[in-house]
Amino acid sequence: MLKDILRKKYKDTKEEELVILSQNNDYDALEELIRRTQKNIYSSFYYLNADKENLYDLTQEALLRMAKNIGNLKNPKLFRSWLGHIVSNLFYDEQRKKHKEHINISLENFWGEDEDNKDHGFEICDTKEVPEEKTHSKELSEVIKHQIYALPDHFRIVIILREIQGLSYEEIAKITKTNVNTVKSRISRARIKLQEHLKPYLN
């Protein structure tokens, strides 16, 4: 009963406040923070990593790193960017292990105009759909995933950080150690490539 009350209490709490509470050893706040972020983290690795067997392990590792190191985050407002660093580092660690180049892609709303602080909210297809819609959505999701794998790594990581993590160009530039113009160029080129390959499926 108490657990349910606490869960309801934190349901409407702002993310920044949850981070601060978590840094002060409020484990219920940390649990809510994990609940809110785990789907986006899983989605990021889903489109970054071709090895399905590692998806849950990578997601759990990212959440573990987040939980263990959240106390080191000096500015709670930068939580999303900090989390993007964790995802990016795990992605490159995984690539180094495999000793081969991974493929990348970008997906912007399929995609319309882009704004620095716009959260596109790209997600894996909803499993609650009716059978025909679910089948089509699953097929499209697989096509998108494989097209993303076909992109160079430096294209794929920026598009995932942008479209799934919802980071700004400036944040992505810091994570990838490039400049904002390079980030914008890579995202734009990745989107063009994706749109070309996805046209037959979106008509």
Protein backbone atom coordinates (compact mmCIF):
# COMPACT_ATOMS: atom_id res chain seq x y z
CA MET A 1 0.00 0.00 0.00
CA LEU A 2 2.76 2.45 0.98
CA LYS A 3 4.66 1.56 -2.18
CA ASP A 4 1.63 2.38 -4.33
CA ILE A 5 1.16 5.70 -2.54
CA LEU A 6 4.79 6.66 -3.12
CA ARG A 7 4.62 5.61 -6.76
CA LYS A 8 1.56 7.79 -7.26
CA LYS A 9 3.26 10.64 -5.42
CA TYR A 10 6.21 10.66 -7.80
CA LYS A 11 4.19 10.07 -10.96
CA ASP A 12 3.72 13.80 -11.59
CA THR A 13 7.07 14.90 -10.20
CA LYS A 14 9.32 16.76 -12.63
CA GLU A 15 12.36 14.89 -13.89
CA GLU A 16 14.81 17.41 -12.45
CA GLU A 17 13.23 17.02 -9.01
CA LEU A 18 13.46 13.24 -9.27
CA VAL A 19 17.16 13.54 -10.04
CA ILE A 20 17.74 15.72 -6.98
CA LEU A 21 15.76 13.36 -4.76
CA SER A 22 17.67 10.38 -6.17
CA GLN A 23 20.96 12.10 -5.39
CA ASN A 24 19.75 12.35 -1.80
CA ASN A 25 19.22 8.60 -1.56
CA ASP A 26 15.48 8.62 -2.23
CA TYR A 27 15.22 5.16 -3.79
CA ASP A 28 11.54 5.55 -4.67
CA ALA A 29 12.40 8.63 -6.72
CA LEU A 30 15.22 6.71 -8.39
CA GLU A 31 12.82 3.87 -9.18
CA GLU A 32 10.46 6.34 -10.86
CA LEU A 33 13.37 7.82 -12.82
CA ILE A 34 14.34 4.36 -14.03
CA ARG A 35 10.75 3.62 -15.00
CA ARG A 36 10.57 6.80 -17.09
CA THR A 37 13.86 6.32 -18.91
CA GLN A 38 14.14 2.57 -19.52
CA LYS A 39 11.95 2.49 -22.64
CA ASN A 40 13.91 5.24 -24.38
CA ILE A 41 17.20 3.59 -23.45
CA TYR A 42 15.98 0.25 -24.81
CA SER A 43 14.75 1.98 -27.99
CA SER A 44 18.14 3.63 -28.44
CA PHE A 45 20.00 0.33 -28.30
CA TYR A 46 17.33 -1.35 -30.43
CA TYR A 47 18.21 0.96 -33.32
CA LEU A 48 21.93 1.17 -32.58
CA ASN A 49 22.80 -2.45 -31.98
CA ALA A 50 22.06 -5.29 -34.41
CA ASP A 51 22.57 -7.98 -31.78
CA LYS A 52 19.13 -8.57 -30.23
CA GLU A 53 20.58 -10.78 -27.52
CA ASN A 54 22.43 -7.83 -26.03
CA LEU A 55 19.53 -5.36 -25.93
CA TYR A 56 18.34 -6.13 -22.42
CA ASP A 57 21.88 -6.44 -21.08
CA LEU A 58 22.86 -3.06 -22.53
CA THR A 59 19.69 -1.45 -21.21
CA GLN A 60 20.25 -2.89 -17.74
CA GLU A 61 23.90 -1.80 -17.79
CA ALA A 62 22.90 1.75 -18.76
CA LEU A 63 20.31 1.89 -15.97
CA LEU A 64 22.83 0.48 -13.51
CA ARG A 65 25.41 3.10 -14.45
CA MET A 66 22.77 5.78 -14.15
CA ALA A 67 21.75 4.60 -10.67
CA LYS A 68 25.33 4.18 -9.42
CA ASN A 69 26.65 7.49 -10.75
CA ILE A 70 23.70 9.86 -10.51
CA GLY A 71 25.24 11.37 -7.39
CA ASN A 72 28.13 12.62 -9.54
CA LEU A 73 25.85 14.68 -11.80
CA LYS A 74 26.51 18.28 -10.75
CA ASN A 75 23.67 19.89 -12.71
CA PRO A 76 20.35 17.99 -12.57
CA LYS A 77 19.11 20.02 -15.56
CA LEU A 78 21.67 18.18 -17.70
CA PHE A 79 20.34 14.74 -16.79
CA ARG A 80 19.20 13.84 -20.34
CA SER A 81 22.51 14.88 -21.84
CA TRP A 82 24.39 12.94 -19.14
CA LEU A 83 22.26 9.88 -19.86
CA GLY A 84 23.03 10.29 -23.56
CA HIS A 85 26.73 10.06 -22.68
CA ILE A 86 26.09 6.74 -20.94
CA VAL A 87 24.21 5.32 -23.94
CA SER A 88 26.84 6.61 -26.37
CA ASN A 89 29.74 5.18 -24.35
CA LEU A 90 28.09 1.77 -24.09
CA PHE A 91 27.39 1.79 -27.82
CA TYR A 92 31.03 2.43 -28.68
CA ASP A 93 32.23 -0.05 -26.07
CA GLU A 94 30.06 -2.69 -27.71
CA GLN A 95 31.46 -1.82 -31.12
CA ARG A 96 35.02 -2.12 -29.94
CA LYS A 97 34.22 -5.55 -28.59
CA LYS A 98 32.93 -6.72 -31.93
CA HIS A 99 35.89 -5.28 -33.88
CA LYS A 100 33.73 -4.31 -36.79
CA GLU A 101 32.03 -1.21 -38.07
CA HIS A 102 28.39 -0.84 -37.13
CA ILE A 103 25.87 0.82 -39.33
CA ASN A 104 23.83 3.89 -38.58
CA ILE A 105 20.66 5.70 -39.52
CA SER A 106 18.37 8.54 -38.61
CA LEU A 107 14.65 8.92 -38.25
CA GLU A 108 13.10 12.26 -37.79
CA ASN A 109 9.30 12.09 -37.53
CA PHE A 110 9.58 10.94 -41.03
CA TRP A 111 10.24 13.88 -40.44
CA GLY A 112 9.20 17.44 -40.99
CA GLU A 113 10.86 20.55 -39.68
CA ASP A 114 13.39 20.26 -36.94
CA GLU A 115 13.69 22.50 -33.92
CA ASP A 116 16.49 22.41 -31.38
CA ASN A 117 14.34 21.70 -28.36
CA LYS A 118 11.65 19.60 -30.00
CA ASP A 119 11.13 16.12 -28.56
CA HIS A 120 10.15 13.86 -31.45
CA GLY A 121 9.35 10.93 -29.17
CA PHE A 122 10.21 8.16 -31.62
CA GLU A 123 9.33 4.79 -30.12
CA ILE A 124 9.12 1.10 -30.92
CA CYS A 125 5.76 0.07 -32.31
CA ASP A 126 2.92 -0.24 -29.80
CA THR A 127 2.15 -3.83 -28.88
CA LYS A 128 -1.46 -2.91 -28.10
CA GLU A 129 -2.37 -2.40 -31.75
CA VAL A 130 -4.93 -4.51 -33.54
CA PRO A 131 -3.45 -7.50 -35.50
CA GLU A 132 -3.24 -5.87 -38.97
CA GLU A 133 -1.83 -2.62 -37.60
CA LYS A 134 0.58 -4.46 -35.35
CA THR A 135 1.89 -6.55 -38.24
CA HIS A 136 2.38 -3.50 -40.45
CA SER A 137 3.99 -1.53 -37.61
CA LYS A 138 6.32 -4.39 -36.79
CA GLU A 139 7.32 -4.76 -40.43
CA LEU A 140 7.99 -1.03 -40.76
CA SER A 141 9.94 -1.02 -37.51
CA GLU A 142 12.16 -3.83 -38.82
CA VAL A 143 12.70 -1.99 -42.12
CA ILE A 144 13.64 1.20 -40.26
CA LYS A 145 16.00 -0.70 -37.99
CA HIS A 146 17.83 -2.37 -40.86
CA GLN A 147 18.08 0.91 -42.75
CA ILE A 148 19.57 2.51 -39.65
CA TYR A 149 22.12 -0.28 -39.44
CA ALA A 150 23.09 0.57 -43.01
CA LEU A 151 24.25 4.06 -42.02
CA PRO A 152 27.77 4.88 -40.88
CA ASP A 153 28.22 4.83 -37.11
CA HIS A 154 28.70 8.59 -36.81
CA PHE A 155 25.35 9.12 -38.56
CA ARG A 156 23.54 6.54 -36.48
CA ILE A 157 24.61 7.76 -33.07
CA VAL A 158 23.62 11.39 -33.72
CA ILE A 159 20.21 10.45 -35.09
CA ILE A 160 19.48 8.22 -32.11
CA LEU A 161 20.58 10.86 -29.62
CA ARG A 162 18.37 13.36 -31.44
CA GLU A 163 15.26 11.35 -32.23
CA ILE A 164 15.04 8.98 -29.28
CA GLN A 165 16.92 10.71 -26.48
CA GLY A 166 15.58 14.11 -27.58
CA LEU A 167 18.88 15.94 -27.07
CA SER A 168 19.69 19.35 -28.54
CA TYR A 169 22.33 19.83 -31.24
CA GLU A 170 24.62 21.43 -28.66
CA GLU A 171 24.31 18.46 -26.30
CA ILE A 172 24.99 15.99 -29.11
CA ALA A 173 28.02 17.99 -30.22
CA LYS A 174 29.49 17.70 -26.71
CA ILE A 175 28.80 13.98 -26.51
CA THR A 176 30.29 13.23 -29.94
CA LYS A 177 33.10 15.77 -29.51
CA THR A 178 32.22 17.60 -32.73
CA ASN A 179 30.70 20.99 -33.49
CA VAL A 180 27.03 21.89 -33.92
CA ASN A 181 27.27 22.34 -37.69
CA THR A 182 28.77 18.86 -38.08
CA VAL A 183 25.95 17.39 -35.98
CA LYS A 184 23.30 19.19 -38.04
CA SER A 185 24.93 18.05 -41.28
CA ARG A 186 25.13 14.42 -40.20
CA ILE A 187 21.52 14.37 -38.99
CA SER A 188 20.30 15.99 -42.19
CA ARG A 189 22.20 13.57 -44.44
CA ALA A 190 21.04 10.58 -42.39
CA ARG A 191 17.42 11.69 -42.63
CA ILE A 192 17.66 12.10 -46.38
CA LYS A 193 19.08 8.62 -46.76
CA LEU A 194 16.37 7.13 -44.57
CA GLN A 195 13.56 8.95 -46.32
CA GLU A 196 14.78 7.70 -49.69
CA HIS A 197 14.74 4.08 -48.54
CA LEU A 198 11.49 4.35 -46.59
CA LYS A 199 9.36 6.04 -49.25
CA PRO A 200 7.87 2.75 -50.56
CA TYR A 201 6.69 1.88 -47.04
CA LEU A 202 5.20 5.25 -46.15
CA ASN A 203 2.88 5.81 -49.11
